[in-house]
Each structure stands twice: as C-alpha cells, then as structure tokens.
Amino acid sequence: MTLGARLVAPLIILLLFIPIDLIKAEVITLTPETFSDKVKEKDTAWFVKFCVPWCKHCKKLGNLWEELGKAMEGDAEIEIGEVDCGTSRSVCTKVEIHSYPTFKLFYNGEEVTKYQGKRDVESLRAFVVEETEKAAEKAQLEDKEL
C-alpha cells in the first residue's frame, strides 16, 4: 500500500461515521431549545422554513432548502434554518405559523418579513440578500439613534 493510500483510507472510513446532519450543515435545524438564541444572534439574518413532514406542499419543495443553504455558503451574515412544526409546535405557535410551508426572515431576533414569491433558489437567494441588507441598514440607523 502506498503512503497516500495509507493516509487516505482512514480518512474515508472516518467520513463514513460522520452523521449526515454534520455534512449538510448549510441548513440548520432549529428546535424550541435553540430557536430563540439563534435568531437573536447580533447582525445575523435567519431565513427559516417552517414545515411538517406530512404536508404535500412541503414535500414538493424537495431539496430546494438544502440547495439554498449551499447557495448561501460563505455569507457570514445569513443563516438558513428550518423548523419541523410537528416536533417543535411551540416555536411555530410563537411565530404564528398557520400554513405550510412558511418562510420567514428574522434579523437580530425580530421578524422582518414573510416570503411569498417564487420557489426557486435564485428567487429565494435574491430575496434574502435584499431583505437582509435592508434590515442591517435599519439596525445601524437605530443603533446611531441610541
């Protein structure tokens, strides 16, 4: 066995045991224990999908949310999250989720807006970038007033 093969083989075996959630960390699952703290992160936007596993419209989204997460990689100011309203009902009640799927943008802990546009990666990405810029500008103005 060559030196390269001896170094790569253990790495491949190690990767097989990493939980899938850690590999696709572009989308962060939020729970009642983590939701409030995460969306309150200073100078950070959270674009969150609220769904339930049995919803046909949620299922129809397929991998859209994961694709958006990948498209947003590298943007330190924007996080992509998801909440399963079946297991995290208290979160969904708190932010007034009445239909599925619902997409909401939060900035510095405040709900900024609800998304109601086209359901494709480019439309979602353009929306979250534009709305995050607006929210950041508003937050800066409010900070200056204090």
N, C-alpha and C. Protein backbone atom coordinates (compact mmCIF):
# COMPACT_ATOMS: atom_id res chain seq x y z
N MET A 1 0.86 -1.17 0.00
CA MET A 1 0.00 0.00 0.00
C MET A 1 0.91 1.24 0.00
N THR A 2 0.59 2.20 -0.85
CA THR A 2 1.40 3.42 -0.93
C THR A 2 1.12 4.32 0.27
N LEU A 3 1.99 5.28 0.47
CA LEU A 3 1.83 6.22 1.58
C LEU A 3 0.52 6.99 1.45
N GLY A 4 0.19 7.43 0.23
CA GLY A 4 -1.05 8.17 0.00
C GLY A 4 -2.27 7.34 0.37
N ALA A 5 -2.28 6.08 -0.03
CA ALA A 5 -3.40 5.20 0.27
C ALA A 5 -3.53 4.97 1.77
N ARG A 6 -2.37 4.86 2.46
CA ARG A 6 -2.41 4.66 3.91
C ARG A 6 -2.96 5.89 4.63
N LEU A 7 -2.76 7.06 4.07
CA LEU A 7 -3.27 8.28 4.69
C LEU A 7 -4.74 8.52 4.36
N VAL A 8 -5.13 8.18 3.15
CA VAL A 8 -6.50 8.45 2.70
C VAL A 8 -7.50 7.44 3.24
N ALA A 9 -7.12 6.18 3.32
CA ALA A 9 -8.05 5.12 3.76
C ALA A 9 -8.67 5.42 5.12
N PRO A 10 -7.89 5.77 6.16
CA PRO A 10 -8.53 6.06 7.45
C PRO A 10 -9.47 7.28 7.39
N LEU A 11 -9.12 8.24 6.56
CA LEU A 11 -9.97 9.42 6.41
C LEU A 11 -11.32 9.04 5.81
N ILE A 12 -11.31 8.21 4.80
CA ILE A 12 -12.55 7.75 4.17
C ILE A 12 -13.40 6.98 5.17
N ILE A 13 -12.77 6.12 5.96
CA ILE A 13 -13.50 5.35 6.97
C ILE A 13 -14.11 6.30 8.00
N LEU A 14 -13.35 7.30 8.43
CA LEU A 14 -13.85 8.28 9.39
C LEU A 14 -15.06 9.03 8.84
N LEU A 15 -15.01 9.43 7.58
CA LEU A 15 -16.11 10.15 6.95
C LEU A 15 -17.40 9.33 6.91
N LEU A 16 -17.27 8.03 6.83
CA LEU A 16 -18.44 7.16 6.80
C LEU A 16 -19.22 7.22 8.12
N PHE A 17 -18.55 7.59 9.20
CA PHE A 17 -19.20 7.61 10.51
C PHE A 17 -19.65 9.00 10.95
N ILE A 18 -19.43 10.01 10.13
CA ILE A 18 -19.90 11.36 10.46
C ILE A 18 -21.38 11.43 10.18
N PRO A 19 -22.17 11.90 11.14
CA PRO A 19 -23.62 12.00 10.91
C PRO A 19 -23.93 12.89 9.71
N ILE A 20 -24.93 12.50 8.95
CA ILE A 20 -25.33 13.23 7.74
C ILE A 20 -25.64 14.69 8.08
N ASP A 21 -26.21 14.98 9.26
CA ASP A 21 -26.53 16.36 9.64
C ASP A 21 -25.30 17.25 9.66
N LEU A 22 -24.15 16.68 10.03
CA LEU A 22 -22.93 17.48 10.07
C LEU A 22 -22.40 17.75 8.67
N ILE A 23 -22.63 16.85 7.76
CA ILE A 23 -22.15 17.04 6.39
C ILE A 23 -22.97 18.12 5.69
N LYS A 24 -24.28 18.12 5.88
CA LYS A 24 -25.11 19.13 5.22
C LYS A 24 -25.50 20.23 6.21
N ALA A 25 -24.47 20.85 6.79
CA ALA A 25 -24.68 21.86 7.81
C ALA A 25 -25.11 23.21 7.22
N GLU A 26 -25.35 23.27 5.91
CA GLU A 26 -25.78 24.53 5.31
C GLU A 26 -27.15 24.95 5.82
N VAL A 27 -27.99 23.98 6.16
CA VAL A 27 -29.32 24.24 6.72
C VAL A 27 -29.29 23.75 8.17
N ILE A 28 -29.63 24.65 9.08
CA ILE A 28 -29.57 24.33 10.50
C ILE A 28 -30.98 24.08 11.02
N THR A 29 -31.17 22.92 11.63
CA THR A 29 -32.46 22.58 12.21
C THR A 29 -32.59 23.30 13.54
N LEU A 30 -33.65 24.07 13.67
CA LEU A 30 -33.92 24.83 14.89
C LEU A 30 -35.01 24.14 15.70
N THR A 31 -34.85 24.13 17.01
CA THR A 31 -35.78 23.46 17.92
C THR A 31 -36.25 24.47 18.97
N PRO A 32 -37.19 24.09 19.82
CA PRO A 32 -37.60 25.01 20.89
C PRO A 32 -36.42 25.43 21.78
N GLU A 33 -35.43 24.56 21.92
CA GLU A 33 -34.27 24.86 22.75
C GLU A 33 -33.28 25.81 22.07
N THR A 34 -33.26 25.84 20.74
CA THR A 34 -32.25 26.64 20.04
C THR A 34 -32.80 27.84 19.28
N PHE A 35 -34.08 27.82 18.96
CA PHE A 35 -34.65 28.83 18.06
C PHE A 35 -34.39 30.26 18.52
N SER A 36 -34.82 30.60 19.72
CA SER A 36 -34.72 31.99 20.20
C SER A 36 -33.29 32.49 20.22
N ASP A 37 -32.38 31.68 20.77
CA ASP A 37 -30.98 32.11 20.85
C ASP A 37 -30.38 32.30 19.46
N LYS A 38 -30.68 31.40 18.55
CA LYS A 38 -30.10 31.51 17.20
C LYS A 38 -30.61 32.74 16.47
N VAL A 39 -31.92 32.95 16.43
CA VAL A 39 -32.44 34.07 15.66
C VAL A 39 -32.12 35.42 16.30
N LYS A 40 -31.68 35.41 17.56
CA LYS A 40 -31.29 36.65 18.24
C LYS A 40 -29.82 37.01 18.02
N GLU A 41 -29.09 36.17 17.30
CA GLU A 41 -27.66 36.44 17.07
C GLU A 41 -27.51 37.82 16.44
N LYS A 42 -26.63 38.62 17.02
CA LYS A 42 -26.44 40.01 16.59
C LYS A 42 -25.92 40.07 15.16
N ASP A 43 -26.50 40.97 14.37
CA ASP A 43 -26.09 41.22 12.99
C ASP A 43 -26.16 39.97 12.11
N THR A 44 -27.11 39.10 12.41
CA THR A 44 -27.27 37.88 11.63
C THR A 44 -28.73 37.74 11.20
N ALA A 45 -28.92 37.43 9.93
CA ALA A 45 -30.26 37.15 9.41
C ALA A 45 -30.47 35.64 9.41
N TRP A 46 -31.66 35.24 9.77
CA TRP A 46 -32.05 33.83 9.72
C TRP A 46 -33.25 33.72 8.80
N PHE A 47 -33.08 32.99 7.71
CA PHE A 47 -34.18 32.71 6.79
C PHE A 47 -34.64 31.30 7.12
N VAL A 48 -35.87 31.19 7.63
CA VAL A 48 -36.32 29.92 8.21
C VAL A 48 -37.54 29.38 7.48
N LYS A 49 -37.46 28.09 7.19
CA LYS A 49 -38.58 27.35 6.59
C LYS A 49 -39.30 26.62 7.71
N PHE A 50 -40.62 26.81 7.78
CA PHE A 50 -41.46 26.13 8.76
C PHE A 50 -42.31 25.12 8.00
N CYS A 51 -42.15 23.84 8.33
CA CYS A 51 -42.84 22.76 7.62
C CYS A 51 -43.28 21.67 8.58
N VAL A 52 -44.05 20.75 8.04
CA VAL A 52 -44.39 19.50 8.73
C VAL A 52 -44.15 18.37 7.73
N PRO A 53 -43.73 17.21 8.21
CA PRO A 53 -43.38 16.10 7.31
C PRO A 53 -44.53 15.60 6.43
N TRP A 54 -45.76 15.73 6.89
CA TRP A 54 -46.91 15.19 6.15
C TRP A 54 -47.47 16.15 5.09
N CYS A 55 -46.97 17.36 5.02
CA CYS A 55 -47.50 18.37 4.10
C CYS A 55 -47.05 18.10 2.66
N LYS A 56 -48.02 17.98 1.75
CA LYS A 56 -47.67 17.70 0.35
C LYS A 56 -46.91 18.86 -0.28
N HIS A 57 -47.22 20.10 0.11
CA HIS A 57 -46.53 21.26 -0.45
C HIS A 57 -45.08 21.32 0.05
N CYS A 58 -44.86 20.90 1.30
CA CYS A 58 -43.51 20.84 1.85
C CYS A 58 -42.69 19.77 1.13
N LYS A 59 -43.32 18.62 0.90
CA LYS A 59 -42.64 17.53 0.20
C LYS A 59 -42.29 17.94 -1.22
N LYS A 60 -43.16 18.73 -1.84
CA LYS A 60 -42.95 19.17 -3.22
C LYS A 60 -41.70 20.05 -3.35
N LEU A 61 -41.27 20.68 -2.25
CA LEU A 61 -40.07 21.51 -2.28
C LEU A 61 -38.82 20.69 -2.55
N GLY A 62 -38.87 19.39 -2.23
CA GLY A 62 -37.72 18.53 -2.46
C GLY A 62 -36.49 19.05 -1.73
N ASN A 63 -35.39 19.19 -2.47
CA ASN A 63 -34.13 19.63 -1.90
C ASN A 63 -33.92 21.13 -2.01
N LEU A 64 -34.96 21.87 -2.30
CA LEU A 64 -34.84 23.31 -2.52
C LEU A 64 -34.13 24.02 -1.36
N TRP A 65 -34.52 23.70 -0.12
CA TRP A 65 -33.95 24.40 1.03
C TRP A 65 -32.46 24.08 1.19
N GLU A 66 -32.08 22.82 0.94
CA GLU A 66 -30.67 22.44 1.00
C GLU A 66 -29.88 23.14 -0.10
N GLU A 67 -30.48 23.25 -1.28
CA GLU A 67 -29.82 23.96 -2.39
C GLU A 67 -29.63 25.43 -2.05
N LEU A 68 -30.62 26.02 -1.39
CA LEU A 68 -30.48 27.41 -0.96
C LEU A 68 -29.37 27.52 0.08
N GLY A 69 -29.32 26.58 1.00
CA GLY A 69 -28.25 26.57 2.01
C GLY A 69 -26.87 26.54 1.37
N LYS A 70 -26.72 25.71 0.36
CA LYS A 70 -25.44 25.63 -0.36
C LYS A 70 -25.15 26.94 -1.10
N ALA A 71 -26.18 27.53 -1.69
CA ALA A 71 -26.00 28.79 -2.42
C ALA A 71 -25.60 29.93 -1.49
N MET A 72 -25.98 29.83 -0.22
CA MET A 72 -25.69 30.90 0.74
C MET A 72 -24.40 30.66 1.52
N GLU A 73 -23.73 29.54 1.26
CA GLU A 73 -22.48 29.24 1.96
C GLU A 73 -21.50 30.40 1.78
N GLY A 74 -20.80 30.71 2.83
CA GLY A 74 -19.81 31.77 2.75
C GLY A 74 -20.35 33.13 3.12
N ASP A 75 -21.66 33.27 3.24
CA ASP A 75 -22.24 34.54 3.65
C ASP A 75 -22.42 34.48 5.16
N ALA A 76 -21.51 35.11 5.88
CA ALA A 76 -21.49 35.02 7.34
C ALA A 76 -22.67 35.72 8.00
N GLU A 77 -23.35 36.59 7.29
CA GLU A 77 -24.45 37.35 7.88
C GLU A 77 -25.80 36.68 7.70
N ILE A 78 -25.86 35.62 6.90
CA ILE A 78 -27.15 34.97 6.61
C ILE A 78 -27.06 33.48 6.92
N GLU A 79 -28.00 33.02 7.73
CA GLU A 79 -28.10 31.60 8.06
C GLU A 79 -29.42 31.07 7.51
N ILE A 80 -29.41 29.84 7.09
CA ILE A 80 -30.61 29.18 6.59
C ILE A 80 -31.01 28.12 7.61
N GLY A 81 -32.26 28.24 8.08
CA GLY A 81 -32.73 27.31 9.10
C GLY A 81 -34.05 26.68 8.73
N GLU A 82 -34.41 25.66 9.48
CA GLU A 82 -35.70 25.02 9.28
C GLU A 82 -36.25 24.56 10.62
N VAL A 83 -37.57 24.59 10.71
CA VAL A 83 -38.26 24.14 11.92
C VAL A 83 -39.32 23.13 11.50
N ASP A 84 -39.30 21.98 12.15
CA ASP A 84 -40.33 20.96 11.95
C ASP A 84 -41.45 21.29 12.94
N CYS A 85 -42.54 21.80 12.43
CA CYS A 85 -43.65 22.22 13.28
C CYS A 85 -44.38 21.03 13.91
N GLY A 86 -44.10 19.85 13.43
CA GLY A 86 -44.67 18.66 14.05
C GLY A 86 -44.02 18.36 15.39
N THR A 87 -42.70 18.55 15.47
CA THR A 87 -41.97 18.26 16.71
C THR A 87 -41.64 19.54 17.49
N SER A 88 -41.75 20.69 16.86
CA SER A 88 -41.41 21.96 17.51
C SER A 88 -42.61 22.91 17.47
N ARG A 89 -43.74 22.40 17.86
CA ARG A 89 -45.00 23.14 17.79
C ARG A 89 -44.94 24.48 18.53
N SER A 90 -44.25 24.53 19.66
CA SER A 90 -44.20 25.76 20.45
C SER A 90 -43.53 26.90 19.68
N VAL A 91 -42.50 26.56 18.90
CA VAL A 91 -41.83 27.58 18.09
C VAL A 91 -42.79 28.12 17.04
N CYS A 92 -43.48 27.24 16.37
CA CYS A 92 -44.39 27.62 15.29
C CYS A 92 -45.58 28.42 15.81
N THR A 93 -46.04 28.10 16.99
CA THR A 93 -47.12 28.87 17.61
C THR A 93 -46.62 30.27 17.96
N LYS A 94 -45.42 30.34 18.52
CA LYS A 94 -44.84 31.63 18.94
C LYS A 94 -44.69 32.60 17.77
N VAL A 95 -44.30 32.09 16.59
CA VAL A 95 -44.08 32.97 15.43
C VAL A 95 -45.27 32.95 14.47
N GLU A 96 -46.39 32.44 14.96
CA GLU A 96 -47.66 32.48 14.25
C GLU A 96 -47.62 31.83 12.86
N ILE A 97 -47.27 30.56 12.86
CA ILE A 97 -47.28 29.79 11.62
C ILE A 97 -48.65 29.11 11.51
N HIS A 98 -49.36 29.42 10.42
CA HIS A 98 -50.72 28.89 10.24
C HIS A 98 -50.85 28.02 9.00
N SER A 99 -49.85 28.02 8.13
CA SER A 99 -49.89 27.18 6.93
C SER A 99 -48.47 26.75 6.59
N TYR A 100 -48.39 25.69 5.79
CA TYR A 100 -47.09 25.10 5.44
C TYR A 100 -46.94 25.00 3.94
N PRO A 101 -45.75 25.19 3.44
CA PRO A 101 -44.60 25.74 4.14
C PRO A 101 -44.73 27.25 4.30
N THR A 102 -44.09 27.78 5.33
CA THR A 102 -43.99 29.22 5.53
C THR A 102 -42.51 29.55 5.64
N PHE A 103 -42.12 30.64 4.99
CA PHE A 103 -40.72 31.09 5.01
C PHE A 103 -40.68 32.48 5.65
N LYS A 104 -39.91 32.63 6.72
CA LYS A 104 -39.81 33.93 7.38
C LYS A 104 -38.34 34.31 7.57
N LEU A 105 -38.11 35.63 7.49
CA LEU A 105 -36.77 36.17 7.70
C LEU A 105 -36.75 36.89 9.04
N PHE A 106 -35.74 36.58 9.85
CA PHE A 106 -35.54 37.22 11.15
C PHE A 106 -34.18 37.92 11.13
N TYR A 107 -34.09 39.06 11.81
CA TYR A 107 -32.82 39.77 11.92
C TYR A 107 -32.71 40.32 13.33
N ASN A 108 -31.60 40.00 14.00
CA ASN A 108 -31.39 40.42 15.39
C ASN A 108 -32.59 40.05 16.28
N GLY A 109 -33.17 38.90 16.03
CA GLY A 109 -34.26 38.41 16.87
C GLY A 109 -35.65 38.89 16.50
N GLU A 110 -35.73 39.79 15.54
CA GLU A 110 -37.03 40.33 15.13
C GLU A 110 -37.46 39.74 13.80
N GLU A 111 -38.75 39.45 13.68
CA GLU A 111 -39.26 39.00 12.38
C GLU A 111 -39.26 40.20 11.43
N VAL A 112 -38.62 40.03 10.28
CA VAL A 112 -38.52 41.11 9.30
C VAL A 112 -39.66 41.02 8.30
N THR A 113 -39.82 39.85 7.71
CA THR A 113 -40.83 39.69 6.67
C THR A 113 -41.08 38.21 6.40
N LYS A 114 -42.17 37.98 5.71
CA LYS A 114 -42.55 36.63 5.27
C LYS A 114 -42.36 36.58 3.76
N TYR A 115 -41.80 35.48 3.27
CA TYR A 115 -41.56 35.33 1.84
C TYR A 115 -42.78 34.71 1.17
N GLN A 116 -43.19 35.31 0.04
CA GLN A 116 -44.34 34.76 -0.69
C GLN A 116 -44.09 34.71 -2.19
N GLY A 117 -42.83 34.69 -2.59
CA GLY A 117 -42.50 34.71 -4.01
C GLY A 117 -42.33 33.32 -4.61
N LYS A 118 -41.64 33.31 -5.75
CA LYS A 118 -41.38 32.06 -6.47
C LYS A 118 -40.52 31.14 -5.63
N ARG A 119 -40.71 29.85 -5.83
CA ARG A 119 -39.98 28.86 -5.05
C ARG A 119 -38.87 28.23 -5.87
N ASP A 120 -37.84 29.05 -6.12
CA ASP A 120 -36.63 28.56 -6.76
C ASP A 120 -35.45 29.22 -6.04
N VAL A 121 -34.28 28.61 -6.15
CA VAL A 121 -33.11 29.06 -5.40
C VAL A 121 -32.77 30.51 -5.69
N GLU A 122 -32.76 30.91 -6.94
CA GLU A 122 -32.37 32.29 -7.28
C GLU A 122 -33.33 33.32 -6.69
N SER A 123 -34.62 33.06 -6.77
CA SER A 123 -35.61 33.99 -6.21
C SER A 123 -35.47 34.08 -4.69
N LEU A 124 -35.32 32.94 -4.03
CA LEU A 124 -35.14 32.92 -2.58
C LEU A 124 -33.86 33.63 -2.17
N ARG A 125 -32.79 33.36 -2.91
CA ARG A 125 -31.49 33.97 -2.60
C ARG A 125 -31.55 35.49 -2.77
N ALA A 126 -32.11 35.95 -3.86
CA ALA A 126 -32.21 37.39 -4.12
C ALA A 126 -33.03 38.06 -3.01
N PHE A 127 -34.13 37.42 -2.63
CA PHE A 127 -34.99 37.96 -1.58
C PHE A 127 -34.23 38.09 -0.26
N VAL A 128 -33.57 37.01 0.17
CA VAL A 128 -32.92 37.02 1.48
C VAL A 128 -31.76 38.01 1.51
N VAL A 129 -31.02 38.13 0.43
CA VAL A 129 -29.91 39.09 0.38
C VAL A 129 -30.45 40.52 0.45
N GLU A 130 -31.45 40.83 -0.35
CA GLU A 130 -32.01 42.18 -0.38
C GLU A 130 -32.64 42.56 0.96
N GLU A 131 -33.43 41.67 1.53
CA GLU A 131 -34.11 41.96 2.79
C GLU A 131 -33.12 42.04 3.96
N THR A 132 -32.05 41.25 3.90
CA THR A 132 -31.03 41.32 4.94
C THR A 132 -30.31 42.65 4.89
N GLU A 133 -30.01 43.12 3.69
CA GLU A 133 -29.36 44.43 3.56
C GLU A 133 -30.24 45.53 4.14
N LYS A 134 -31.53 45.49 3.84
CA LYS A 134 -32.47 46.48 4.38
C LYS A 134 -32.52 46.41 5.91
N ALA A 135 -32.60 45.21 6.45
CA ALA A 135 -32.68 45.03 7.90
C ALA A 135 -31.40 45.51 8.58
N ALA A 136 -30.25 45.25 7.96
CA ALA A 136 -28.97 45.68 8.53
C ALA A 136 -28.86 47.20 8.54
N GLU A 137 -29.29 47.83 7.46
CA GLU A 137 -29.28 49.30 7.39
C GLU A 137 -30.19 49.89 8.46
N LYS A 138 -31.36 49.32 8.61
CA LYS A 138 -32.33 49.80 9.62
C LYS A 138 -31.73 49.65 11.02
N ALA A 139 -31.09 48.52 11.29
CA ALA A 139 -30.49 48.27 12.60
C ALA A 139 -29.36 49.27 12.87
N GLN A 140 -28.57 49.59 11.85
CA GLN A 140 -27.49 50.57 12.02
C GLN A 140 -28.06 51.93 12.35
N LEU A 141 -29.12 52.34 11.66
CA LEU A 141 -29.76 53.62 11.94
C LEU A 141 -30.30 53.67 13.37
N GLU A 142 -30.92 52.61 13.80
CA GLU A 142 -31.47 52.54 15.15
C GLU A 142 -30.36 52.60 16.19
N ASP A 143 -29.21 51.95 15.91
CA ASP A 143 -28.07 51.99 16.83
C ASP A 143 -27.51 53.41 16.95
N LYS A 144 -27.48 54.13 15.84
CA LYS A 144 -26.96 55.50 15.84
C LYS A 144 -27.87 56.43 16.64
N GLU A 145 -29.18 56.16 16.60
CA GLU A 145 -30.14 56.98 17.32
C GLU A 145 -30.01 56.82 18.83
N LEU A 146 -29.50 55.67 19.27
CA LEU A 146 -29.35 55.42 20.70
C LEU A 146 -28.16 56.15 21.18
